[in-house]
C-alpha cells in the first residue's frame, strides 16, 4: 500500500489537483490499483453541475494519468527520493477515451492501470476507472518520464 504522503513524494501535484488518495496494489512493470474518494466538498462541483453534481470526465482521465505516473516511477527500479524529485511524467497522448457511467460525490473511484508497452522512458498504459466494480471510464495513455 502507498498512502497519500508517499504519493506526494512521487507526484508533484497538490490540492486541488492531486487525484489519487491511495495505491492498494502495485506490481512494478505490470499494474497498479489505486483510488480517489470523490467528495462533494471538491471545488469542481460548484460548477459541474449545480443541483446535479457529476465528476468531470477530464478529472477521471487525469486521475488515471496520475496513477499511471506512480506505476511508471515505481517500475523504474530503486530511485532515490532525490532522483524522483528531479524527474516528471509528461503525458503525450490519451487515446480511445470513453465514459461509460457517471461518477458522483460519495463514490470511491478505483483506478486500474496496466502496462501495454514500455521502452526506455516511454510508457503506454491501459487505464480503467471503476465505481463499485462498474466501469466508469477507460483510455489508453502514453507518457514520458523526463528530467525537470
N, C-alpha and C. Protein backbone atom coordinates (compact mmCIF):
# COMPACT_ATOMS: atom_id res chain seq x y z
N UNK A 1 0.84 -1.18 0.00
CA UNK A 1 0.00 0.00 0.00
C UNK A 1 0.88 1.25 0.00
N UNK A 2 0.47 2.24 -0.77
CA UNK A 2 1.16 3.53 -0.81
C UNK A 2 0.13 4.58 -0.40
N UNK A 3 0.39 5.29 0.70
CA UNK A 3 -0.56 6.30 1.17
C UNK A 3 -0.28 7.65 0.51
N UNK A 4 -1.13 8.61 0.81
CA UNK A 4 -1.05 9.92 0.15
C UNK A 4 0.25 10.66 0.47
N UNK A 5 0.85 10.43 1.63
CA UNK A 5 2.12 11.08 1.97
C UNK A 5 3.22 10.57 1.03
N UNK A 6 3.23 9.25 0.80
CA UNK A 6 4.20 8.67 -0.12
C UNK A 6 3.91 9.09 -1.57
N UNK A 7 2.63 9.15 -1.93
CA UNK A 7 2.25 9.59 -3.28
C UNK A 7 2.79 10.99 -3.55
N UNK A 8 2.73 11.87 -2.54
CA UNK A 8 3.23 13.24 -2.71
C UNK A 8 4.75 13.30 -2.87
N UNK A 9 5.45 12.24 -2.51
CA UNK A 9 6.89 12.17 -2.75
C UNK A 9 7.18 11.78 -4.19
N UNK A 10 6.18 11.20 -4.87
CA UNK A 10 6.34 10.74 -6.25
C UNK A 10 5.78 11.76 -7.24
N UNK A 11 4.56 12.24 -6.98
CA UNK A 11 3.90 13.18 -7.89
C UNK A 11 4.06 14.61 -7.42
N UNK A 12 4.21 15.56 -8.33
CA UNK A 12 4.31 16.97 -7.94
C UNK A 12 2.94 17.60 -7.63
N UNK A 13 1.85 16.94 -7.97
CA UNK A 13 0.50 17.50 -7.82
C UNK A 13 0.14 17.72 -6.35
N UNK A 14 -0.64 18.75 -6.10
CA UNK A 14 -1.14 19.08 -4.77
C UNK A 14 -2.59 19.52 -4.88
N UNK A 15 -3.24 19.69 -3.73
CA UNK A 15 -4.64 20.15 -3.71
C UNK A 15 -4.76 21.42 -4.54
N UNK A 16 -5.78 21.53 -5.35
CA UNK A 16 -6.91 20.61 -5.54
C UNK A 16 -6.71 19.64 -6.70
N UNK A 17 -5.46 19.40 -7.09
CA UNK A 17 -5.23 18.62 -8.30
C UNK A 17 -4.51 17.29 -8.08
N UNK A 18 -4.31 16.88 -6.83
CA UNK A 18 -3.80 15.55 -6.56
C UNK A 18 -5.01 14.62 -6.51
N UNK A 19 -5.09 13.69 -7.46
CA UNK A 19 -6.31 12.93 -7.67
C UNK A 19 -6.18 11.44 -7.37
N UNK A 20 -5.15 11.05 -6.63
CA UNK A 20 -5.00 9.67 -6.17
C UNK A 20 -4.81 9.73 -4.65
N UNK A 21 -5.70 9.10 -3.91
CA UNK A 21 -5.62 9.11 -2.45
C UNK A 21 -4.75 7.98 -1.91
N UNK A 22 -4.77 6.83 -2.59
CA UNK A 22 -4.05 5.67 -2.07
C UNK A 22 -3.84 4.66 -3.20
N UNK A 23 -2.73 3.95 -3.13
CA UNK A 23 -2.47 2.81 -4.02
C UNK A 23 -2.60 1.56 -3.17
N UNK A 24 -3.44 0.64 -3.60
CA UNK A 24 -3.71 -0.57 -2.81
C UNK A 24 -2.99 -1.80 -3.35
N UNK A 25 -2.59 -1.76 -4.62
CA UNK A 25 -1.90 -2.90 -5.20
C UNK A 25 -0.96 -2.40 -6.28
N UNK A 26 0.27 -2.92 -6.28
CA UNK A 26 1.26 -2.49 -7.26
C UNK A 26 2.17 -3.65 -7.61
N UNK A 27 2.26 -3.94 -8.90
CA UNK A 27 3.22 -4.90 -9.42
C UNK A 27 4.09 -4.11 -10.39
N UNK A 28 5.31 -3.73 -9.98
CA UNK A 28 6.16 -2.91 -10.84
C UNK A 28 6.32 -3.50 -12.24
N UNK A 29 6.22 -2.62 -13.23
CA UNK A 29 6.34 -3.03 -14.62
C UNK A 29 5.09 -3.65 -15.20
N UNK A 30 4.06 -3.84 -14.35
CA UNK A 30 2.84 -4.51 -14.81
C UNK A 30 1.56 -3.74 -14.56
N UNK A 31 1.24 -3.49 -13.27
CA UNK A 31 -0.08 -2.92 -12.99
C UNK A 31 -0.13 -2.20 -11.64
N UNK A 32 -1.17 -1.41 -11.49
CA UNK A 32 -1.42 -0.66 -10.26
C UNK A 32 -2.93 -0.56 -10.06
N UNK A 33 -3.34 -0.65 -8.81
CA UNK A 33 -4.72 -0.34 -8.43
C UNK A 33 -4.65 0.72 -7.34
N UNK A 34 -5.40 1.78 -7.54
CA UNK A 34 -5.44 2.86 -6.55
C UNK A 34 -6.82 3.49 -6.58
N UNK A 35 -7.03 4.45 -5.70
CA UNK A 35 -8.35 5.07 -5.70
C UNK A 35 -8.33 6.52 -5.24
N UNK A 36 -9.45 7.15 -5.55
CA UNK A 36 -9.74 8.51 -5.09
C UNK A 36 -11.15 8.50 -4.52
N UNK A 37 -11.29 9.04 -3.34
CA UNK A 37 -12.62 9.23 -2.77
C UNK A 37 -13.17 10.56 -3.28
N UNK A 38 -14.28 10.51 -3.96
CA UNK A 38 -14.88 11.70 -4.56
C UNK A 38 -15.80 12.34 -3.53
N UNK A 39 -15.51 13.60 -3.19
CA UNK A 39 -16.26 14.30 -2.14
C UNK A 39 -16.99 15.52 -2.70
N UNK A 40 -18.17 15.79 -2.18
CA UNK A 40 -18.95 16.96 -2.60
C UNK A 40 -18.23 18.26 -2.26
N UNK A 41 -17.26 18.20 -1.35
CA UNK A 41 -16.55 19.43 -0.96
C UNK A 41 -15.49 19.85 -1.98
N UNK A 42 -15.30 19.07 -3.04
CA UNK A 42 -14.32 19.44 -4.06
C UNK A 42 -14.82 20.64 -4.87
N UNK A 43 -13.92 21.60 -5.13
CA UNK A 43 -14.32 22.84 -5.82
C UNK A 43 -14.97 22.62 -7.18
N UNK A 44 -14.64 21.54 -7.88
CA UNK A 44 -15.17 21.31 -9.23
C UNK A 44 -16.70 21.20 -9.23
N UNK A 45 -17.27 20.77 -8.10
CA UNK A 45 -18.72 20.59 -8.06
C UNK A 45 -19.50 21.89 -7.94
N UNK A 46 -18.82 23.00 -7.68
CA UNK A 46 -19.51 24.30 -7.67
C UNK A 46 -20.10 24.61 -9.04
N UNK A 47 -19.43 24.13 -10.10
CA UNK A 47 -19.90 24.46 -11.43
C UNK A 47 -20.21 23.26 -12.30
N UNK A 48 -20.08 22.06 -11.78
CA UNK A 48 -20.27 20.85 -12.63
C UNK A 48 -21.08 19.81 -11.90
N UNK A 49 -22.29 19.84 -11.82
CA UNK A 49 -23.22 20.87 -12.22
C UNK A 49 -24.05 21.21 -11.00
N UNK A 50 -24.36 22.49 -10.75
CA UNK A 50 -25.16 22.85 -9.57
C UNK A 50 -26.49 22.10 -9.55
N UNK A 51 -26.77 21.44 -8.44
CA UNK A 51 -28.01 20.68 -8.29
C UNK A 51 -27.95 19.29 -8.89
N UNK A 52 -26.91 18.99 -9.67
CA UNK A 52 -26.75 17.67 -10.28
C UNK A 52 -25.25 17.40 -10.41
N UNK A 53 -24.56 17.18 -9.28
CA UNK A 53 -23.10 17.06 -9.32
C UNK A 53 -22.60 15.79 -10.01
N UNK A 54 -21.78 15.99 -11.03
CA UNK A 54 -21.14 14.90 -11.77
C UNK A 54 -19.64 15.20 -11.82
N UNK A 55 -18.82 14.23 -11.46
CA UNK A 55 -17.37 14.41 -11.50
C UNK A 55 -16.94 14.45 -12.97
N UNK A 56 -16.22 15.49 -13.39
CA UNK A 56 -15.89 15.65 -14.81
C UNK A 56 -15.01 14.52 -15.36
N UNK A 57 -15.31 14.11 -16.58
CA UNK A 57 -14.54 13.06 -17.23
C UNK A 57 -13.07 13.39 -17.36
N UNK A 58 -12.77 14.65 -17.60
CA UNK A 58 -11.37 15.05 -17.74
C UNK A 58 -10.61 14.85 -16.42
N UNK A 59 -11.31 14.98 -15.29
CA UNK A 59 -10.68 14.74 -13.99
C UNK A 59 -10.45 13.24 -13.78
N UNK A 60 -11.36 12.41 -14.27
CA UNK A 60 -11.17 10.96 -14.19
C UNK A 60 -9.93 10.57 -15.00
N UNK A 61 -9.81 11.12 -16.20
CA UNK A 61 -8.64 10.83 -17.04
C UNK A 61 -7.35 11.31 -16.37
N UNK A 62 -7.38 12.47 -15.76
CA UNK A 62 -6.20 12.98 -15.07
C UNK A 62 -5.83 12.08 -13.90
N UNK A 63 -6.82 11.59 -13.16
CA UNK A 63 -6.54 10.66 -12.07
C UNK A 63 -5.90 9.37 -12.57
N UNK A 64 -6.41 8.85 -13.70
CA UNK A 64 -5.81 7.68 -14.33
C UNK A 64 -4.36 7.96 -14.70
N UNK A 65 -4.14 9.14 -15.27
CA UNK A 65 -2.79 9.53 -15.68
C UNK A 65 -1.86 9.62 -14.47
N UNK A 66 -2.33 10.19 -13.37
CA UNK A 66 -1.52 10.28 -12.17
C UNK A 66 -1.20 8.88 -11.62
N UNK A 67 -2.19 8.00 -11.63
CA UNK A 67 -1.95 6.62 -11.20
C UNK A 67 -0.92 5.96 -12.11
N UNK A 68 -1.01 6.23 -13.41
CA UNK A 68 -0.03 5.72 -14.36
C UNK A 68 1.36 6.26 -14.09
N UNK A 69 1.45 7.52 -13.69
CA UNK A 69 2.73 8.11 -13.33
C UNK A 69 3.36 7.42 -12.14
N UNK A 70 2.55 7.10 -11.14
CA UNK A 70 3.04 6.37 -9.97
C UNK A 70 3.56 5.00 -10.40
N UNK A 71 2.79 4.31 -11.25
CA UNK A 71 3.20 2.99 -11.74
C UNK A 71 4.54 3.09 -12.48
N UNK A 72 4.68 4.07 -13.35
CA UNK A 72 5.92 4.23 -14.11
C UNK A 72 7.10 4.49 -13.18
N UNK A 73 6.94 5.42 -12.24
CA UNK A 73 8.03 5.72 -11.31
C UNK A 73 8.41 4.51 -10.47
N UNK A 74 7.41 3.80 -9.97
CA UNK A 74 7.68 2.64 -9.13
C UNK A 74 8.22 1.45 -9.93
N UNK A 75 8.15 1.53 -11.25
CA UNK A 75 8.65 0.46 -12.11
C UNK A 75 10.08 0.72 -12.58
N UNK A 76 10.63 1.85 -12.22
CA UNK A 76 11.96 2.25 -12.70
C UNK A 76 13.08 1.79 -11.78
N UNK A 77 12.82 0.84 -10.92
CA UNK A 77 13.86 0.37 -10.01
C UNK A 77 13.88 1.24 -8.76
N UNK A 78 14.95 1.14 -8.03
CA UNK A 78 15.05 1.86 -6.76
C UNK A 78 15.63 3.25 -6.95
N UNK A 79 14.75 4.18 -7.36
CA UNK A 79 15.17 5.57 -7.47
C UNK A 79 15.16 6.19 -6.08
N UNK A 80 16.14 7.00 -5.79
CA UNK A 80 16.15 7.72 -4.51
C UNK A 80 15.09 8.81 -4.56
N UNK A 81 14.72 9.32 -3.37
CA UNK A 81 13.76 10.43 -3.31
C UNK A 81 14.27 11.62 -4.10
N UNK A 82 15.57 11.86 -4.05
CA UNK A 82 16.18 12.98 -4.77
C UNK A 82 16.07 12.79 -6.28
N UNK A 83 16.30 11.56 -6.75
CA UNK A 83 16.17 11.27 -8.18
C UNK A 83 14.73 11.45 -8.65
N UNK A 84 13.79 11.00 -7.84
CA UNK A 84 12.37 11.17 -8.18
C UNK A 84 12.01 12.65 -8.26
N UNK A 85 12.52 13.45 -7.32
CA UNK A 85 12.23 14.89 -7.30
C UNK A 85 12.72 15.59 -8.57
N UNK A 86 13.73 15.02 -9.22
CA UNK A 86 14.31 15.65 -10.40
C UNK A 86 13.71 15.15 -11.71
N UNK A 87 12.66 14.33 -11.62
CA UNK A 87 12.01 13.82 -12.82
C UNK A 87 10.51 14.16 -12.77
N UNK A 88 9.91 14.17 -13.95
CA UNK A 88 8.48 14.44 -14.05
C UNK A 88 7.90 13.60 -15.18
N UNK A 89 6.62 13.24 -15.05
CA UNK A 89 5.93 12.48 -16.09
C UNK A 89 5.14 13.46 -16.94
N UNK A 90 5.39 13.43 -18.24
CA UNK A 90 4.60 14.21 -19.20
C UNK A 90 3.72 13.25 -19.99
N UNK A 91 2.43 13.52 -20.06
CA UNK A 91 1.56 12.69 -20.86
C UNK A 91 1.57 13.21 -22.28
N UNK A 92 1.80 12.29 -23.20
CA UNK A 92 1.96 12.62 -24.61
C UNK A 92 0.64 12.47 -25.37
N UNK A 93 -0.16 11.50 -24.97
CA UNK A 93 -1.44 11.32 -25.64
C UNK A 93 -2.39 10.53 -24.75
N UNK A 94 -3.66 10.77 -24.99
CA UNK A 94 -4.73 9.99 -24.37
C UNK A 94 -5.63 9.57 -25.52
N UNK A 95 -5.69 8.27 -25.77
CA UNK A 95 -6.45 7.74 -26.90
C UNK A 95 -7.57 6.83 -26.41
N UNK A 96 -8.54 6.65 -27.27
CA UNK A 96 -9.65 5.71 -27.04
C UNK A 96 -10.37 5.99 -25.72
N UNK A 97 -10.46 7.26 -25.34
CA UNK A 97 -11.15 7.61 -24.09
C UNK A 97 -12.65 7.41 -24.25
N UNK A 98 -13.22 6.74 -23.26
CA UNK A 98 -14.66 6.51 -23.26
C UNK A 98 -15.18 6.71 -21.84
N UNK A 99 -16.36 7.26 -21.76
CA UNK A 99 -17.02 7.48 -20.47
C UNK A 99 -18.28 6.64 -20.46
N UNK A 100 -18.32 5.70 -19.54
CA UNK A 100 -19.38 4.69 -19.52
C UNK A 100 -20.49 4.98 -18.52
N UNK A 101 -20.11 5.47 -17.34
CA UNK A 101 -21.08 5.74 -16.28
C UNK A 101 -20.64 6.97 -15.50
N UNK A 102 -21.61 7.79 -15.05
CA UNK A 102 -21.23 8.99 -14.30
C UNK A 102 -20.65 8.65 -12.93
N UNK A 103 -19.77 9.53 -12.47
CA UNK A 103 -19.17 9.43 -11.14
C UNK A 103 -19.73 10.59 -10.33
N UNK A 104 -20.18 10.27 -9.11
CA UNK A 104 -20.87 11.28 -8.29
C UNK A 104 -20.20 11.41 -6.93
N UNK A 105 -20.48 12.50 -6.24
CA UNK A 105 -19.94 12.64 -4.87
C UNK A 105 -20.34 11.44 -4.02
N UNK A 106 -19.39 10.99 -3.22
CA UNK A 106 -19.61 9.82 -2.37
C UNK A 106 -19.07 8.55 -2.98
N UNK A 107 -18.74 8.59 -4.28
CA UNK A 107 -18.20 7.39 -4.95
C UNK A 107 -16.72 7.21 -4.61
N UNK A 108 -16.31 5.96 -4.57
CA UNK A 108 -14.90 5.60 -4.48
C UNK A 108 -14.49 5.23 -5.90
N UNK A 109 -13.69 6.08 -6.51
CA UNK A 109 -13.26 5.92 -7.89
C UNK A 109 -11.97 5.09 -7.90
N UNK A 110 -12.05 3.87 -8.41
CA UNK A 110 -10.88 2.98 -8.39
C UNK A 110 -10.22 2.99 -9.77
N UNK A 111 -8.92 3.32 -9.76
CA UNK A 111 -8.12 3.31 -10.98
C UNK A 111 -7.42 1.96 -11.10
N UNK A 112 -7.51 1.36 -12.27
CA UNK A 112 -6.78 0.12 -12.57
C UNK A 112 -5.97 0.39 -13.84
N UNK A 113 -4.67 0.45 -13.66
CA UNK A 113 -3.77 0.83 -14.75
C UNK A 113 -2.80 -0.32 -15.00
N UNK A 114 -2.62 -0.67 -16.26
CA UNK A 114 -1.66 -1.73 -16.59
C UNK A 114 -0.78 -1.29 -17.76
N UNK A 115 0.42 -1.85 -17.79
CA UNK A 115 1.39 -1.51 -18.83
C UNK A 115 1.06 -2.29 -20.10
N UNK A 116 0.89 -1.56 -21.20
CA UNK A 116 0.74 -2.18 -22.52
C UNK A 116 2.13 -2.36 -23.13
N UNK A 117 2.93 -1.29 -23.04
CA UNK A 117 4.27 -1.30 -23.63
C UNK A 117 5.16 -0.33 -22.87
N UNK A 118 6.44 -0.68 -22.75
CA UNK A 118 7.42 0.20 -22.12
C UNK A 118 8.73 0.09 -22.88
N UNK A 119 9.24 1.22 -23.31
CA UNK A 119 10.54 1.24 -24.00
C UNK A 119 11.27 2.51 -23.60
N UNK A 120 12.40 2.34 -22.94
CA UNK A 120 13.17 3.50 -22.48
C UNK A 120 12.37 4.31 -21.49
N UNK A 121 12.18 5.60 -21.79
CA UNK A 121 11.43 6.46 -20.88
C UNK A 121 9.98 6.66 -21.34
N UNK A 122 9.52 5.85 -22.31
CA UNK A 122 8.16 5.95 -22.84
C UNK A 122 7.32 4.79 -22.29
N UNK A 123 6.12 5.14 -21.84
CA UNK A 123 5.19 4.15 -21.29
C UNK A 123 3.85 4.27 -22.02
N UNK A 124 3.28 3.14 -22.41
CA UNK A 124 1.92 3.08 -22.95
C UNK A 124 1.12 2.26 -21.95
N UNK A 125 0.03 2.86 -21.47
CA UNK A 125 -0.73 2.27 -20.37
C UNK A 125 -2.20 2.12 -20.72
N UNK A 126 -2.80 1.07 -20.20
CA UNK A 126 -4.24 0.87 -20.29
C UNK A 126 -4.83 1.34 -18.97
N UNK A 127 -5.70 2.33 -19.02
CA UNK A 127 -6.31 2.86 -17.81
C UNK A 127 -7.81 2.61 -17.78
N UNK A 128 -8.26 2.17 -16.64
CA UNK A 128 -9.70 1.98 -16.44
C UNK A 128 -10.06 2.56 -15.08
N UNK A 129 -11.26 3.11 -14.97
CA UNK A 129 -11.76 3.66 -13.71
C UNK A 129 -13.11 3.01 -13.41
N UNK A 130 -13.24 2.54 -12.18
CA UNK A 130 -14.45 1.82 -11.76
C UNK A 130 -15.05 2.46 -10.52
N UNK A 131 -16.35 2.31 -10.38
CA UNK A 131 -17.06 2.61 -9.14
C UNK A 131 -17.85 1.36 -8.81
N UNK A 132 -17.57 0.75 -7.66
CA UNK A 132 -18.24 -0.49 -7.25
C UNK A 132 -18.16 -1.56 -8.34
N UNK A 133 -16.97 -1.73 -8.94
CA UNK A 133 -16.73 -2.73 -9.98
C UNK A 133 -17.51 -2.50 -11.27
N UNK A 134 -18.09 -1.31 -11.43
CA UNK A 134 -18.77 -0.94 -12.67
C UNK A 134 -17.86 0.05 -13.41
N UNK A 135 -17.55 -0.26 -14.67
CA UNK A 135 -16.65 0.59 -15.45
C UNK A 135 -17.24 1.98 -15.66
N UNK A 136 -16.49 2.99 -15.24
CA UNK A 136 -16.92 4.39 -15.41
C UNK A 136 -16.24 5.03 -16.60
N UNK A 137 -14.96 4.69 -16.81
CA UNK A 137 -14.19 5.31 -17.89
C UNK A 137 -13.00 4.43 -18.24
N UNK A 138 -12.51 4.62 -19.47
CA UNK A 138 -11.33 3.89 -19.90
C UNK A 138 -10.59 4.72 -20.94
N UNK A 139 -9.27 4.48 -21.06
CA UNK A 139 -8.46 5.19 -22.03
C UNK A 139 -7.11 4.51 -22.15
N UNK A 140 -6.44 4.79 -23.26
CA UNK A 140 -5.06 4.37 -23.45
C UNK A 140 -4.19 5.62 -23.29
N UNK A 141 -3.21 5.53 -22.40
CA UNK A 141 -2.39 6.68 -22.04
C UNK A 141 -0.95 6.46 -22.47
N UNK A 142 -0.34 7.49 -23.03
CA UNK A 142 1.07 7.41 -23.41
C UNK A 142 1.81 8.51 -22.67
N UNK A 143 2.91 8.12 -22.00
CA UNK A 143 3.63 9.08 -21.15
C UNK A 143 5.14 8.93 -21.32
N UNK A 144 5.84 9.99 -20.95
CA UNK A 144 7.28 10.00 -21.00
C UNK A 144 7.80 10.56 -19.68
N UNK A 145 8.80 9.91 -19.10
CA UNK A 145 9.44 10.41 -17.89
C UNK A 145 10.69 11.16 -18.31
N UNK A 146 10.78 12.42 -17.89
CA UNK A 146 11.90 13.27 -18.28
C UNK A 146 12.50 13.97 -17.07
N UNK A 147 13.71 14.47 -17.22
CA UNK A 147 14.32 15.29 -16.18
C UNK A 147 13.64 16.65 -16.17
N UNK A 148 13.48 17.21 -14.97
CA UNK A 148 12.86 18.54 -14.85
C UNK A 148 13.76 19.59 -15.46
